[in-house]
C-alpha cells in the first residue's frame, strides 16, 4: 500500500459540494482508503484574477493503485463531476485533483510528475498538507514545516 497525497481545488458551481463529492468518489476507488482530509481553504486564483476564489484541500490516501492508474482514476472523477479541460491552464474549474506525493517516489513523465512540479511554491497546497502531515519530509529531504517558512499564506483563510 502506498501513501499518497492529493490536492483538491474547485471554484465553479458549488465548490464545497464538489469537493465532498470528489472525496466520496475517491473512497470508492479499488483498494483505496481515505485516511485524512485537511480543512477546506479559500484562496485567490493562481492565474487570471477575474474568476471566483478557490476552495482548496489535501487528502491523504492509502492505495494499491500504481501512479498512472491513480492518475487515470482521479481524472475520471474530475470528468464525472463536470470538469472540462480547456487550454487556459489556470482558468476556473469545477474540480481539480492533483497527485502531490506518492510515497517517496520521484517520477517524471509526459503525463505525470511526482512530486507535483510546483507544490513547494503554492500556499494552497502547503498549508493544507501541513494540517494533515506536519512531520512530512519530501523525497528531496525537505521538511514541509521548513517550506512553510518561505511561502506566505497570501490572505488564504479557512473556507
C-alpha atoms as a PDB file:
ATOM      1  CA  UNK A   1       0.000   0.000   0.000  1.00  0.00           C
ATOM      2  CA  UNK A   2       1.288   3.428  -0.946  1.00  0.00           C
ATOM      3  CA  UNK A   3       0.663   6.621   0.989  1.00  0.00           C
ATOM      4  CA  UNK A   4      -0.433   9.327  -1.433  1.00  0.00           C
ATOM      5  CA  UNK A   5      -1.328  12.988  -1.020  1.00  0.00           C
ATOM      6  CA  UNK A   6      -3.811  14.523  -3.451  1.00  0.00           C
ATOM      7  CA  UNK A   7      -4.579  18.237  -3.808  1.00  0.00           C
ATOM      8  CA  UNK A   8      -8.183  19.195  -4.416  1.00  0.00           C
ATOM      9  CA  UNK A   9      -9.366  22.510  -5.843  1.00  0.00           C
ATOM     10  CA  UNK A  10     -12.635  23.921  -7.182  1.00  0.00           C
ATOM     11  CA  UNK A  11     -14.025  27.380  -7.925  1.00  0.00           C
ATOM     12  CA  UNK A  12     -17.109  26.946 -10.127  1.00  0.00           C
ATOM     13  CA  UNK A  13     -20.605  25.889  -9.183  1.00  0.00           C
ATOM     14  CA  UNK A  14     -20.756  24.787  -5.540  1.00  0.00           C
ATOM     15  CA  UNK A  15     -17.089  24.134  -4.656  1.00  0.00           C
ATOM     16  CA  UNK A  16     -17.841  22.708  -1.216  1.00  0.00           C
ATOM     17  CA  UNK A  17     -20.307  20.195  -2.589  1.00  0.00           C
ATOM     18  CA  UNK A  18     -17.986  19.265  -5.462  1.00  0.00           C
ATOM     19  CA  UNK A  19     -15.083  18.778  -3.051  1.00  0.00           C
ATOM     20  CA  UNK A  20     -17.180  16.499  -0.846  1.00  0.00           C
ATOM     21  CA  UNK A  21     -18.409  14.573  -3.898  1.00  0.00           C
ATOM     22  CA  UNK A  22     -14.787  14.118  -5.037  1.00  0.00           C
ATOM     23  CA  UNK A  23     -13.765  12.821  -1.605  1.00  0.00           C
ATOM     24  CA  UNK A  24     -16.646  10.338  -1.648  1.00  0.00           C
ATOM     25  CA  UNK A  25     -15.662   9.225  -5.172  1.00  0.00           C
ATOM     26  CA  UNK A  26     -12.050   8.677  -4.104  1.00  0.00           C
ATOM     27  CA  UNK A  27     -13.320   6.497  -1.245  1.00  0.00           C
ATOM     28  CA  UNK A  28     -14.860   4.159  -3.837  1.00  0.00           C
ATOM     29  CA  UNK A  29     -11.618   3.562  -5.766  1.00  0.00           C
ATOM     30  CA  UNK A  30     -10.333  -0.005  -5.812  1.00  0.00           C
ATOM     31  CA  UNK A  31      -8.054  -0.864  -2.873  1.00  0.00           C
ATOM     32  CA  UNK A  32      -8.029   2.758  -1.726  1.00  0.00           C
ATOM     33  CA  UNK A  33      -8.791   4.277   1.642  1.00  0.00           C
ATOM     34  CA  UNK A  34      -9.041   7.977   2.504  1.00  0.00           C
ATOM     35  CA  UNK A  35      -7.019   8.397   5.697  1.00  0.00           C
ATOM     36  CA  UNK A  36      -7.289  12.152   6.269  1.00  0.00           C
ATOM     37  CA  UNK A  37      -8.768  15.275   4.722  1.00  0.00           C
ATOM     38  CA  UNK A  38      -7.416  18.715   5.520  1.00  0.00           C
ATOM     39  CA  UNK A  39      -9.657  21.630   6.378  1.00  0.00           C
ATOM     40  CA  UNK A  40     -11.013  23.458   3.338  1.00  0.00           C
ATOM     41  CA  UNK A  41      -9.318  26.758   2.499  1.00  0.00           C
ATOM     42  CA  UNK A  42     -10.337  29.739   0.384  1.00  0.00           C
ATOM     43  CA  UNK A  43      -7.558  31.107  -1.828  1.00  0.00           C
ATOM     44  CA  UNK A  44      -7.166  33.597  -4.636  1.00  0.00           C
ATOM     45  CA  UNK A  45      -6.801  32.100  -8.133  1.00  0.00           C
ATOM     46  CA  UNK A  46      -3.275  31.295  -9.265  1.00  0.00           C
ATOM     47  CA  UNK A  47      -3.870  32.594 -12.785  1.00  0.00           C
ATOM     48  CA  UNK A  48      -6.305  35.200 -14.047  1.00  0.00           C
ATOM     49  CA  UNK A  49      -7.897  37.089 -11.160  1.00  0.00           C
ATOM     50  CA  UNK A  50     -11.271  37.574 -12.907  1.00  0.00           C
ATOM     51  CA  UNK A  51     -12.591  34.293 -11.548  1.00  0.00           C
ATOM     52  CA  UNK A  52     -14.029  33.152  -8.196  1.00  0.00           C
ATOM     53  CA  UNK A  53     -11.846  32.227  -5.233  1.00  0.00           C
ATOM     54  CA  UNK A  54     -10.840  28.583  -4.965  1.00  0.00           C
ATOM     55  CA  UNK A  55     -11.687  26.002  -2.382  1.00  0.00           C
ATOM     56  CA  UNK A  56      -8.523  24.005  -1.687  1.00  0.00           C
ATOM     57  CA  UNK A  57      -7.781  20.941   0.422  1.00  0.00           C
ATOM     58  CA  UNK A  58      -5.391  17.989   0.571  1.00  0.00           C
ATOM     59  CA  UNK A  59      -6.269  14.331   1.060  1.00  0.00           C
ATOM     60  CA  UNK A  60      -4.052  11.603   2.429  1.00  0.00           C
ATOM     61  CA  UNK A  61      -4.937   8.219   0.998  1.00  0.00           C
ATOM     62  CA  UNK A  62      -3.598   4.696   1.057  1.00  0.00           C
ATOM     63  CA  UNK A  63      -3.849   2.741  -2.188  1.00  0.00           C
ATOM     64  CA  UNK A  64      -2.529  -0.193  -4.160  1.00  0.00           C
ATOM     65  CA  UNK A  65      -3.178   1.649  -7.422  1.00  0.00           C
ATOM     66  CA  UNK A  66       0.009   2.428  -9.311  1.00  0.00           C
ATOM     67  CA  UNK A  67       0.688   6.127 -10.059  1.00  0.00           C
ATOM     68  CA  UNK A  68      -0.636   6.084 -13.634  1.00  0.00           C
ATOM     69  CA  UNK A  69      -3.662   4.023 -12.591  1.00  0.00           C
ATOM     70  CA  UNK A  70      -4.390   6.548  -9.857  1.00  0.00           C
ATOM     71  CA  UNK A  71      -3.951   9.442 -12.299  1.00  0.00           C
ATOM     72  CA  UNK A  72      -6.466   7.839 -14.647  1.00  0.00           C
ATOM     73  CA  UNK A  73      -8.891   7.274 -11.777  1.00  0.00           C
ATOM     74  CA  UNK A  74      -8.744  10.851 -10.473  1.00  0.00           C
ATOM     75  CA  UNK A  75      -9.095  12.254 -13.996  1.00  0.00           C
ATOM     76  CA  UNK A  76     -12.206  10.116 -14.434  1.00  0.00           C
ATOM     77  CA  UNK A  77     -13.577  11.518 -11.156  1.00  0.00           C
ATOM     78  CA  UNK A  78     -12.887  15.056 -12.412  1.00  0.00           C
ATOM     79  CA  UNK A  79     -14.719  14.287 -15.662  1.00  0.00           C
ATOM     80  CA  UNK A  80     -17.669  12.638 -13.890  1.00  0.00           C
ATOM     81  CA  UNK A  81     -18.037  15.684 -11.638  1.00  0.00           C
ATOM     82  CA  UNK A  82     -18.135  18.110 -14.555  1.00  0.00           C
ATOM     83  CA  UNK A  83     -14.513  19.016 -15.243  1.00  0.00           C
ATOM     84  CA  UNK A  84     -13.929  20.219 -18.781  1.00  0.00           C
ATOM     85  CA  UNK A  85     -10.262  20.551 -19.718  1.00  0.00           C
ATOM     86  CA  UNK A  86      -9.548  23.805 -21.511  1.00  0.00           C
ATOM     87  CA  UNK A  87      -6.469  25.419 -22.975  1.00  0.00           C
ATOM     88  CA  UNK A  88      -6.398  28.023 -20.173  1.00  0.00           C
ATOM     89  CA  UNK A  89      -4.154  26.232 -17.697  1.00  0.00           C
ATOM     90  CA  UNK A  90      -5.089  28.337 -14.668  1.00  0.00           C
ATOM     91  CA  UNK A  91      -8.664  29.086 -15.567  1.00  0.00           C
ATOM     92  CA  UNK A  92     -11.736  28.364 -13.470  1.00  0.00           C
ATOM     93  CA  UNK A  93     -12.812  24.768 -12.974  1.00  0.00           C
ATOM     94  CA  UNK A  94     -15.417  22.661 -11.278  1.00  0.00           C
ATOM     95  CA  UNK A  95     -12.790  20.300  -9.885  1.00  0.00           C
ATOM     96  CA  UNK A  96      -9.049  19.778  -9.978  1.00  0.00           C
ATOM     97  CA  UNK A  97      -7.344  16.740  -8.434  1.00  0.00           C
ATOM     98  CA  UNK A  98      -3.538  16.622  -8.476  1.00  0.00           C
ATOM     99  CA  UNK A  99      -1.312  13.844  -7.170  1.00  0.00           C
ATOM    100  CA  UNK A 100       1.231  15.641  -4.980  1.00  0.00           C
ATOM    101  CA  UNK A 101       3.235  12.779  -3.482  1.00  0.00           C
ATOM    102  CA  UNK A 102       3.229   9.010  -3.888  1.00  0.00           C
ATOM    103  CA  UNK A 103       5.322   7.519  -1.079  1.00  0.00           C
ATOM    104  CA  UNK A 104       8.920   8.661  -1.750  1.00  0.00           C
ATOM    105  CA  UNK A 105       8.587   8.159  -5.488  1.00  0.00           C
ATOM    106  CA  UNK A 106      10.215  10.588  -7.890  1.00  0.00           C
ATOM    107  CA  UNK A 107       8.649  10.286 -11.339  1.00  0.00           C
ATOM    108  CA  UNK A 108       8.843  12.471 -14.417  1.00  0.00           C
ATOM    109  CA  UNK A 109       6.853  11.523 -17.487  1.00  0.00           C
ATOM    110  CA  UNK A 110       4.930  13.337 -20.180  1.00  0.00           C
ATOM    111  CA  UNK A 111       1.669  12.963 -18.277  1.00  0.00           C
ATOM    112  CA  UNK A 112       2.666  12.830 -14.602  1.00  0.00           C
ATOM    113  CA  UNK A 113       5.323  14.407 -12.406  1.00  0.00           C
ATOM    114  CA  UNK A 114       5.708  13.285  -8.783  1.00  0.00           C
ATOM    115  CA  UNK A 115       6.299  15.161  -6.548  1.00  0.00           C
ATOM    116  CA  UNK A 116       3.968  17.719  -8.122  1.00  0.00           C
ATOM    117  CA  UNK A 117       6.168  20.115 -10.081  1.00  0.00           C
ATOM    118  CA  UNK A 118       5.223  23.342  -8.232  1.00  0.00           C
ATOM    119  CA  UNK A 119       3.828  22.208  -4.904  1.00  0.00           C
ATOM    120  CA  UNK A 120       6.648  23.832  -2.907  1.00  0.00           C
ATOM    121  CA  UNK A 121       5.552  27.304  -4.030  1.00  0.00           C
ATOM    122  CA  UNK A 122       1.812  27.040  -3.504  1.00  0.00           C
ATOM    123  CA  UNK A 123       0.319  28.107  -0.198  1.00  0.00           C
ATOM    124  CA  UNK A 124      -2.970  26.419  -1.100  1.00  0.00           C
ATOM    125  CA  UNK A 125      -1.082  23.105  -1.208  1.00  0.00           C
ATOM    126  CA  UNK A 126       1.463  23.527   1.588  1.00  0.00           C
ATOM    127  CA  UNK A 127      -0.802  24.741   4.387  1.00  0.00           C
ATOM    128  CA  UNK A 128      -3.495  22.063   3.972  1.00  0.00           C
ATOM    129  CA  UNK A 129      -0.745  19.457   3.568  1.00  0.00           C
ATOM    130  CA  UNK A 130       0.870  20.640   6.795  1.00  0.00           C
ATOM    131  CA  UNK A 131      -2.501  20.383   8.580  1.00  0.00           C
ATOM    132  CA  UNK A 132      -2.626  16.627   7.972  1.00  0.00           C
ATOM    133  CA  UNK A 133       1.099  15.785   7.831  1.00  0.00           C
ATOM    134  CA  UNK A 134       3.101  18.279   9.930  1.00  0.00           C
ATOM    135  CA  UNK A 135       6.110  15.953  10.167  1.00  0.00           C
ATOM    136  CA  UNK A 136       6.188  15.204   6.436  1.00  0.00           C
ATOM    137  CA  UNK A 137       9.576  15.048   4.711  1.00  0.00           C
ATOM    138  CA  UNK A 138       9.540  15.242   0.914  1.00  0.00           C
ATOM    139  CA  UNK A 139      11.555  12.853  -1.258  1.00  0.00           C
ATOM    140  CA  UNK A 140      14.264  15.543  -1.602  1.00  0.00           C
ATOM    141  CA  UNK A 141      14.529  15.556   2.236  1.00  0.00           C
ATOM    142  CA  UNK A 142      12.901  18.993   2.666  1.00  0.00           C
ATOM    143  CA  UNK A 143      10.538  19.261   5.611  1.00  0.00           C
ATOM    144  CA  UNK A 144       7.064  20.610   4.991  1.00  0.00           C
ATOM    145  CA  UNK A 145       7.492  22.808   8.080  1.00  0.00           C
ATOM    146  CA  UNK A 146      10.585  24.435   6.541  1.00  0.00           C
ATOM    147  CA  UNK A 147       8.763  25.124   3.278  1.00  0.00           C
ATOM    148  CA  UNK A 148       6.026  26.999   5.156  1.00  0.00           C
ATOM    149  CA  UNK A 149       8.650  29.465   6.367  1.00  0.00           C
ATOM    150  CA  UNK A 150       9.239  30.504   2.740  1.00  0.00           C
ATOM    151  CA  UNK A 151       5.657  30.637   1.474  1.00  0.00           C
ATOM    152  CA  UNK A 152       3.226  33.192   2.977  1.00  0.00           C
ATOM    153  CA  UNK A 153      -0.479  32.452   3.287  1.00  0.00           C
ATOM    154  CA  UNK A 154      -1.357  35.258   0.806  1.00  0.00           C
ATOM    155  CA  UNK A 155      -4.681  36.040   2.530  1.00  0.00           C
ATOM    156  CA  UNK A 156      -5.760  32.401   2.343  1.00  0.00           C
ATOM    157  CA  UNK A 157      -8.398  31.612   5.005  1.00  0.00           C
ATOM    158  CA  UNK A 158     -10.445  28.641   6.135  1.00  0.00           C
ATOM    159  CA  UNK A 159     -13.460  28.024   3.920  1.00  0.00           C
END
